[in-house]
Amino acid sequence: MDRFQEMQVFVRIAERGSFTQAADDLQLPRATVSNLIRRLEARLGVRLLERTTRSVRLTPDGEAYRLRCNALLADLEEADGLFRQAEPSGLLRVNLQGTLARRFVVPALPDFLTRYPKLALQVGEDDRLVDLVREGVDCVLRAGQLRDSSLVARRVAQLRQVTCASPGYLARFGQPRSLADLASHRAVNYVSSATGQPLPLEFTLNGEVTELNLPGSISVTGADLYAGAALAGLGLVQVPLYRIAEELASGQLHELLPDAPPPPLPVSVLYPQNRQLSGRVRVFTQWLGELFEGVAPDWCLR
């Protein structure tokens, strides 16, 4: 085992705050990881990590060494990439927004794994914000506007959205013909995981976006609950067209104000900006871009 592996193990422990989780990530025995760090600290003559029964944290020397290690490991991977076109291999940990995963990504994964048979995928499902470094996730797929500047984002799609409500709701509150009519309407409020506040409804009219905050008797934090509340007649919602295409076709939901649609919903892959983009993440990101290029144009803007 060489010095670069010592650096790799040290950086992963620093990111995860755990010897055990770092060993799992790197698929090494726990004892091997501990021995590598002891050898590294003995060779350098400094203590890099403070260990307690509950946590692991960097010493000041450890923080300085981590920054140098990150740069050296990134340079090494980049240099290797100049001279070899090795097939990506190993474990790729991804976290996907649930409805995107079920509708688009998971059904197509056999194609991805056939292309890259040396990769193993660990897939999580979430709408919440994920601490990629602390949780050991390589990249995430998310829908919506991005607010975390510590992440690098590659946009892979823009999904068409519609405003809709159920026939039962419209029988009680009427069919809105203009934005002004919405003053007497109610919304199912979707609570942002970033702010904890309900997101406004958005309408594009004459190239300008108007935001409206409508009252509502229910707030939700999940995409399935959001669509389900609309089907139950609890208020207006704005969702990607692919999510409720069948319900629109069957008459369970009706599109409202088609001349003032919501802005398209961006879909992006995100990964930490302080990490060299690995071959595993690179091929997965490229594959997702190809995947969404094949989505029906009725659902996805080109």
Protein backbone atom coordinates (compact mmCIF):
# COMPACT_ATOMS: atom_id res chain seq x y z
CA MET A 1 0.00 0.00 0.00
CA ASP A 2 1.48 3.34 -1.07
CA ARG A 3 1.29 6.87 0.17
CA PHE A 4 -1.52 7.79 -2.16
CA GLN A 5 -3.71 5.12 -0.63
CA GLU A 6 -2.89 6.51 2.80
CA MET A 7 -4.00 9.93 1.54
CA GLN A 8 -7.16 8.49 0.01
CA VAL A 9 -8.10 6.74 3.26
CA PHE A 10 -7.30 9.83 5.35
CA VAL A 11 -9.43 12.11 3.13
CA ARG A 12 -12.38 9.71 3.23
CA ILE A 13 -12.22 9.51 7.04
CA ALA A 14 -12.11 13.30 7.21
CA GLU A 15 -15.16 13.55 4.94
CA ARG A 16 -17.22 10.88 6.68
CA GLY A 17 -16.11 11.57 10.25
CA SER A 18 -15.88 7.83 10.80
CA PHE A 19 -13.31 5.06 10.36
CA THR A 20 -16.05 2.47 9.88
CA GLN A 21 -17.92 4.41 7.21
CA ALA A 22 -14.70 5.24 5.39
CA ALA A 23 -13.74 1.55 5.40
CA ASP A 24 -17.16 0.64 3.99
CA ASP A 25 -16.88 3.31 1.28
CA LEU A 26 -13.44 2.14 0.20
CA GLN A 27 -14.28 -1.55 0.66
CA LEU A 28 -11.35 -2.09 3.00
CA PRO A 29 -11.23 -3.91 6.35
CA ARG A 30 -11.65 -1.61 9.34
CA ALA A 31 -8.32 -2.79 10.76
CA THR A 32 -6.54 -1.91 7.51
CA VAL A 33 -7.92 1.63 7.62
CA SER A 34 -6.82 2.08 11.23
CA ASN A 35 -3.34 0.73 10.49
CA LEU A 36 -2.94 3.03 7.49
CA ILE A 37 -3.76 6.10 9.56
CA ARG A 38 -1.40 5.05 12.37
CA ARG A 39 1.38 4.54 9.84
CA LEU A 40 0.63 7.88 8.16
CA GLU A 41 0.68 9.81 11.44
CA ALA A 42 3.90 8.05 12.52
CA ARG A 43 5.60 8.85 9.23
CA LEU A 44 4.55 12.53 9.35
CA GLY A 45 5.23 12.88 13.06
CA VAL A 46 1.94 14.70 13.73
CA ARG A 47 -1.55 13.81 14.88
CA LEU A 48 -4.03 14.31 12.06
CA LEU A 49 -7.25 13.06 13.68
CA GLU A 50 -8.78 13.40 17.13
CA ARG A 51 -10.69 10.23 17.97
CA THR A 52 -13.39 9.77 20.59
CA THR A 53 -15.85 6.94 21.11
CA ARG A 54 -18.48 8.93 19.19
CA SER A 55 -16.68 11.04 16.60
CA VAL A 56 -13.58 11.68 14.56
CA ARG A 57 -12.46 15.22 13.78
CA LEU A 58 -9.46 16.87 12.16
CA THR A 59 -6.70 18.50 14.15
CA PRO A 60 -5.36 21.83 12.77
CA ASP A 61 -2.48 19.87 11.22
CA GLY A 62 -4.99 17.40 9.83
CA GLU A 63 -7.03 20.17 8.17
CA ALA A 64 -3.91 21.59 6.51
CA TYR A 65 -2.85 18.14 5.34
CA ARG A 66 -6.36 17.37 4.01
CA LEU A 67 -6.28 20.40 1.72
CA ARG A 68 -2.95 19.30 0.24
CA CYS A 69 -4.20 15.71 -0.13
CA ASN A 70 -7.30 16.82 -2.01
CA ALA A 71 -5.18 18.70 -4.52
CA LEU A 72 -2.66 15.87 -4.94
CA LEU A 73 -5.33 13.19 -5.38
CA ALA A 74 -7.15 15.31 -7.96
CA ASP A 75 -3.91 15.85 -9.88
CA LEU A 76 -3.14 12.13 -9.78
CA GLU A 77 -6.54 11.14 -11.14
CA GLU A 78 -6.32 13.77 -13.86
CA ALA A 79 -2.81 12.62 -14.84
CA ASP A 80 -3.91 8.99 -15.00
CA GLY A 81 -6.80 9.97 -17.23
CA LEU A 82 -4.46 11.48 -19.79
CA PHE A 83 -2.82 8.16 -20.57
CA ARG A 84 -5.44 5.51 -20.05
CA GLN A 85 -9.06 5.04 -20.93
CA ALA A 86 -9.85 2.59 -18.18
CA GLU A 87 -13.41 1.37 -17.90
CA PRO A 88 -15.10 2.88 -14.81
CA SER A 89 -15.35 0.40 -11.96
CA GLY A 90 -16.24 0.19 -8.30
CA LEU A 91 -19.14 1.45 -6.21
CA LEU A 92 -21.15 4.48 -7.32
CA ARG A 93 -23.45 5.98 -4.68
CA VAL A 94 -26.25 8.12 -6.08
CA ASN A 95 -29.34 9.72 -4.58
CA LEU A 96 -32.35 10.34 -6.81
CA GLN A 97 -35.54 12.35 -6.51
CA GLY A 98 -38.23 9.70 -6.14
CA THR A 99 -40.64 10.35 -9.01
CA LEU A 100 -37.82 11.00 -11.48
CA ALA A 101 -36.18 7.77 -10.38
CA ARG A 102 -39.30 5.66 -10.75
CA ARG A 103 -40.49 7.15 -14.04
CA PHE A 104 -37.25 7.64 -15.97
CA VAL A 105 -34.07 6.39 -14.32
CA VAL A 106 -34.74 2.99 -12.76
CA PRO A 107 -36.45 1.46 -15.84
CA ALA A 108 -33.38 2.38 -17.92
CA LEU A 109 -30.71 1.22 -15.44
CA PRO A 110 -30.23 -2.18 -17.15
CA ASP A 111 -28.86 -0.24 -20.14
CA PHE A 112 -26.43 1.70 -17.93
CA LEU A 113 -25.18 -1.40 -16.12
CA THR A 114 -24.79 -3.27 -19.41
CA ARG A 115 -22.60 -0.44 -20.71
CA TYR A 116 -20.51 -0.36 -17.52
CA PRO A 117 -20.51 -3.89 -16.10
CA LYS A 118 -17.68 -3.14 -13.64
CA LEU A 119 -19.80 -0.57 -11.79
CA ALA A 120 -22.00 -1.37 -8.81
CA LEU A 121 -24.77 1.08 -7.94
CA GLN A 122 -26.07 2.04 -4.53
CA VAL A 123 -29.24 4.08 -5.05
CA GLY A 124 -31.06 6.18 -2.47
CA GLU A 125 -34.36 8.05 -2.87
CA ASP A 126 -34.97 11.48 -1.37
CA ASP A 127 -36.50 14.89 -1.95
CA ARG A 128 -34.54 16.40 0.94
CA LEU A 129 -31.20 18.16 0.83
CA VAL A 130 -28.37 15.64 1.12
CA ASP A 131 -24.93 16.37 2.57
CA LEU A 132 -23.01 14.57 -0.15
CA VAL A 133 -19.64 14.61 1.57
CA ARG A 134 -20.84 13.70 5.05
CA GLU A 135 -23.20 10.97 3.78
CA GLY A 136 -20.72 9.53 1.30
CA VAL A 137 -22.90 10.17 -1.77
CA ASP A 138 -21.14 10.69 -5.11
CA CYS A 139 -23.91 12.63 -6.86
CA VAL A 140 -27.62 13.44 -6.67
CA LEU A 141 -30.37 14.00 -9.23
CA ARG A 142 -32.74 16.78 -8.26
CA ALA A 143 -35.59 18.78 -9.78
CA GLY A 144 -36.03 22.49 -9.09
CA GLN A 145 -33.99 25.65 -8.78
CA LEU A 146 -30.57 25.16 -7.21
CA ARG A 147 -29.48 27.15 -4.18
CA ASP A 148 -26.41 25.31 -2.85
CA SER A 149 -23.34 27.05 -4.33
CA SER A 150 -21.02 24.44 -2.81
CA LEU A 151 -22.14 21.93 -5.45
CA VAL A 152 -21.40 21.67 -9.14
CA ALA A 153 -24.55 21.22 -11.21
CA ARG A 154 -25.10 19.90 -14.71
CA ARG A 155 -28.59 20.47 -16.09
CA VAL A 156 -29.90 17.40 -17.91
CA ALA A 157 -33.51 18.39 -18.63
CA GLN A 158 -36.22 21.03 -18.40
CA LEU A 159 -39.60 19.46 -17.75
CA ARG A 160 -42.85 21.04 -18.89
CA GLN A 161 -45.22 21.89 -16.03
CA VAL A 162 -48.96 22.46 -15.80
CA THR A 163 -51.39 23.96 -13.32
CA CYS A 164 -54.24 21.60 -12.56
CA ALA A 165 -57.07 20.70 -10.19
CA SER A 166 -59.69 17.99 -9.83
CA PRO A 167 -63.26 18.19 -11.18
CA GLY A 168 -64.56 18.12 -7.60
CA TYR A 169 -62.45 21.12 -6.65
CA LEU A 170 -63.54 23.06 -9.75
CA ALA A 171 -67.20 22.31 -9.01
CA ARG A 172 -66.80 24.10 -5.68
CA PHE A 173 -64.51 26.98 -6.62
CA GLY A 174 -65.13 27.47 -10.34
CA GLN A 175 -62.87 27.40 -13.39
CA PRO A 176 -60.35 30.26 -13.33
CA ARG A 177 -60.09 32.11 -16.66
CA SER A 178 -57.35 34.56 -15.67
CA LEU A 179 -54.77 35.14 -12.96
CA ALA A 180 -57.15 37.61 -11.35
CA ASP A 181 -59.70 34.81 -10.86
CA LEU A 182 -57.23 32.96 -8.63
CA ALA A 183 -57.92 35.38 -5.79
CA SER A 184 -60.84 33.17 -4.75
CA HIS A 185 -58.98 29.87 -5.11
CA ARG A 186 -56.93 27.63 -2.84
CA ALA A 187 -53.67 25.75 -3.33
CA VAL A 188 -52.06 22.61 -2.05
CA ASN A 189 -48.89 24.17 -0.67
CA TYR A 190 -45.59 22.40 -1.33
CA VAL A 191 -43.06 23.07 1.43
CA SER A 192 -39.48 23.65 0.29
CA SER A 193 -36.92 21.39 1.97
CA ALA A 194 -34.40 24.24 1.65
CA THR A 195 -36.40 26.99 3.35
CA GLY A 196 -39.19 25.20 5.19
CA GLN A 197 -41.65 27.63 3.57
CA PRO A 198 -44.39 26.95 0.99
CA LEU A 199 -43.35 27.55 -2.60
CA PRO A 200 -45.43 30.10 -4.54
CA LEU A 201 -47.36 29.19 -7.66
CA GLU A 202 -45.69 30.58 -10.79
CA PHE A 203 -47.29 31.66 -14.06
CA THR A 204 -45.58 32.74 -17.28
CA LEU A 205 -47.49 35.42 -19.16
CA ASN A 206 -46.04 37.54 -21.98
CA GLY A 207 -42.57 36.28 -21.13
CA GLU A 208 -42.75 37.35 -17.48
CA VAL A 209 -43.16 35.13 -14.45
CA THR A 210 -45.75 36.08 -11.83
CA GLU A 211 -45.65 34.47 -8.38
CA LEU A 212 -48.81 33.97 -6.34
CA ASN A 213 -49.19 32.70 -2.79
CA LEU A 214 -52.66 31.22 -2.38
CA PRO A 215 -54.17 30.10 0.92
CA GLY A 216 -54.61 26.40 1.48
CA SER A 217 -55.77 23.94 4.11
CA ILE A 218 -52.92 21.47 3.53
CA SER A 219 -49.15 21.64 3.08
CA VAL A 220 -47.05 18.70 1.92
CA THR A 221 -43.37 17.84 1.57
CA GLY A 222 -43.46 15.00 -0.99
CA ALA A 223 -44.21 14.82 -4.71
CA ASP A 224 -46.61 11.87 -4.40
CA LEU A 225 -48.53 13.56 -1.59
CA TYR A 226 -48.71 16.75 -3.66
CA ALA A 227 -50.34 15.05 -6.64
CA GLY A 228 -52.51 12.95 -4.35
CA ALA A 229 -53.87 16.03 -2.59
CA ALA A 230 -54.86 17.51 -5.96
CA LEU A 231 -56.68 14.30 -6.90
CA ALA A 232 -58.52 14.50 -3.57
CA GLY A 233 -59.83 17.97 -4.49
CA LEU A 234 -57.81 19.89 -1.91
CA GLY A 235 -56.55 22.65 -4.19
CA LEU A 236 -54.51 23.74 -7.20
CA VAL A 237 -51.09 22.25 -7.86
CA GLN A 238 -48.30 22.81 -10.37
CA VAL A 239 -46.53 19.64 -11.44
CA PRO A 240 -44.44 18.31 -14.32
CA LEU A 241 -46.70 17.11 -17.12
CA TYR A 242 -45.27 13.59 -17.08
CA ARG A 243 -46.44 13.15 -13.48
CA ILE A 244 -50.15 13.53 -14.23
CA ALA A 245 -50.47 12.81 -17.98
CA GLU A 246 -52.68 9.78 -17.32
CA GLU A 247 -54.87 11.67 -14.85
CA LEU A 248 -55.35 14.49 -17.37
CA ALA A 249 -56.24 12.02 -20.11
CA SER A 250 -58.77 10.22 -17.88
CA GLY A 251 -60.37 13.44 -16.60
CA GLN A 252 -59.30 12.95 -13.00
CA LEU A 253 -57.50 16.28 -13.26
CA HIS A 254 -58.02 19.31 -15.52
CA GLU A 255 -55.32 21.65 -16.78
CA LEU A 256 -55.91 25.30 -15.85
CA LEU A 257 -54.72 28.52 -17.47
CA PRO A 258 -52.75 26.84 -20.30
CA ASP A 259 -51.87 30.27 -21.72
CA ALA A 260 -50.00 31.10 -18.51
CA PRO A 261 -48.06 27.90 -17.75
CA PRO A 262 -45.56 27.48 -14.93
CA PRO A 263 -41.91 27.87 -15.94
CA PRO A 264 -40.23 24.58 -16.91
CA LEU A 265 -38.75 22.59 -14.05
CA PRO A 266 -34.95 22.15 -14.32
CA VAL A 267 -33.49 18.71 -13.59
CA SER A 268 -29.83 18.63 -12.59
CA VAL A 269 -27.08 16.28 -11.46
CA LEU A 270 -25.08 17.71 -8.55
CA TYR A 271 -21.74 16.72 -7.05
CA PRO A 272 -19.25 18.40 -4.68
CA GLN A 273 -17.10 21.06 -6.32
CA ASN A 274 -14.06 20.32 -4.16
CA ARG A 275 -13.75 16.80 -5.58
CA GLN A 276 -12.19 15.76 -8.85
CA LEU A 277 -15.00 14.42 -11.03
CA SER A 278 -14.51 10.66 -10.99
CA GLY A 279 -14.95 8.48 -14.04
CA ARG A 280 -17.94 6.84 -12.34
CA VAL A 281 -19.77 10.12 -11.83
CA ARG A 282 -18.78 11.35 -15.30
CA VAL A 283 -20.28 8.40 -17.17
CA PHE A 284 -23.42 8.41 -15.00
CA THR A 285 -23.96 12.12 -15.64
CA GLN A 286 -23.44 11.68 -19.39
CA TRP A 287 -25.84 8.76 -19.42
CA LEU A 288 -28.52 10.76 -17.59
CA GLY A 289 -28.16 13.51 -20.20
CA GLU A 290 -28.71 10.98 -22.98
CA LEU A 291 -31.63 9.47 -21.10
CA PHE A 292 -33.52 12.75 -20.79
CA GLU A 293 -32.77 13.66 -24.40
CA GLY A 294 -34.99 10.71 -25.28
CA VAL A 295 -37.95 11.89 -23.19
CA ALA A 296 -41.06 12.77 -25.21
CA PRO A 297 -40.99 16.45 -26.32
CA ASP A 298 -44.48 16.95 -24.86
CA TRP A 299 -42.91 16.38 -21.45
CA CYS A 300 -39.42 17.83 -21.85
CA LEU A 301 -38.18 21.04 -23.50
CA ARG A 302 -35.23 20.70 -25.86
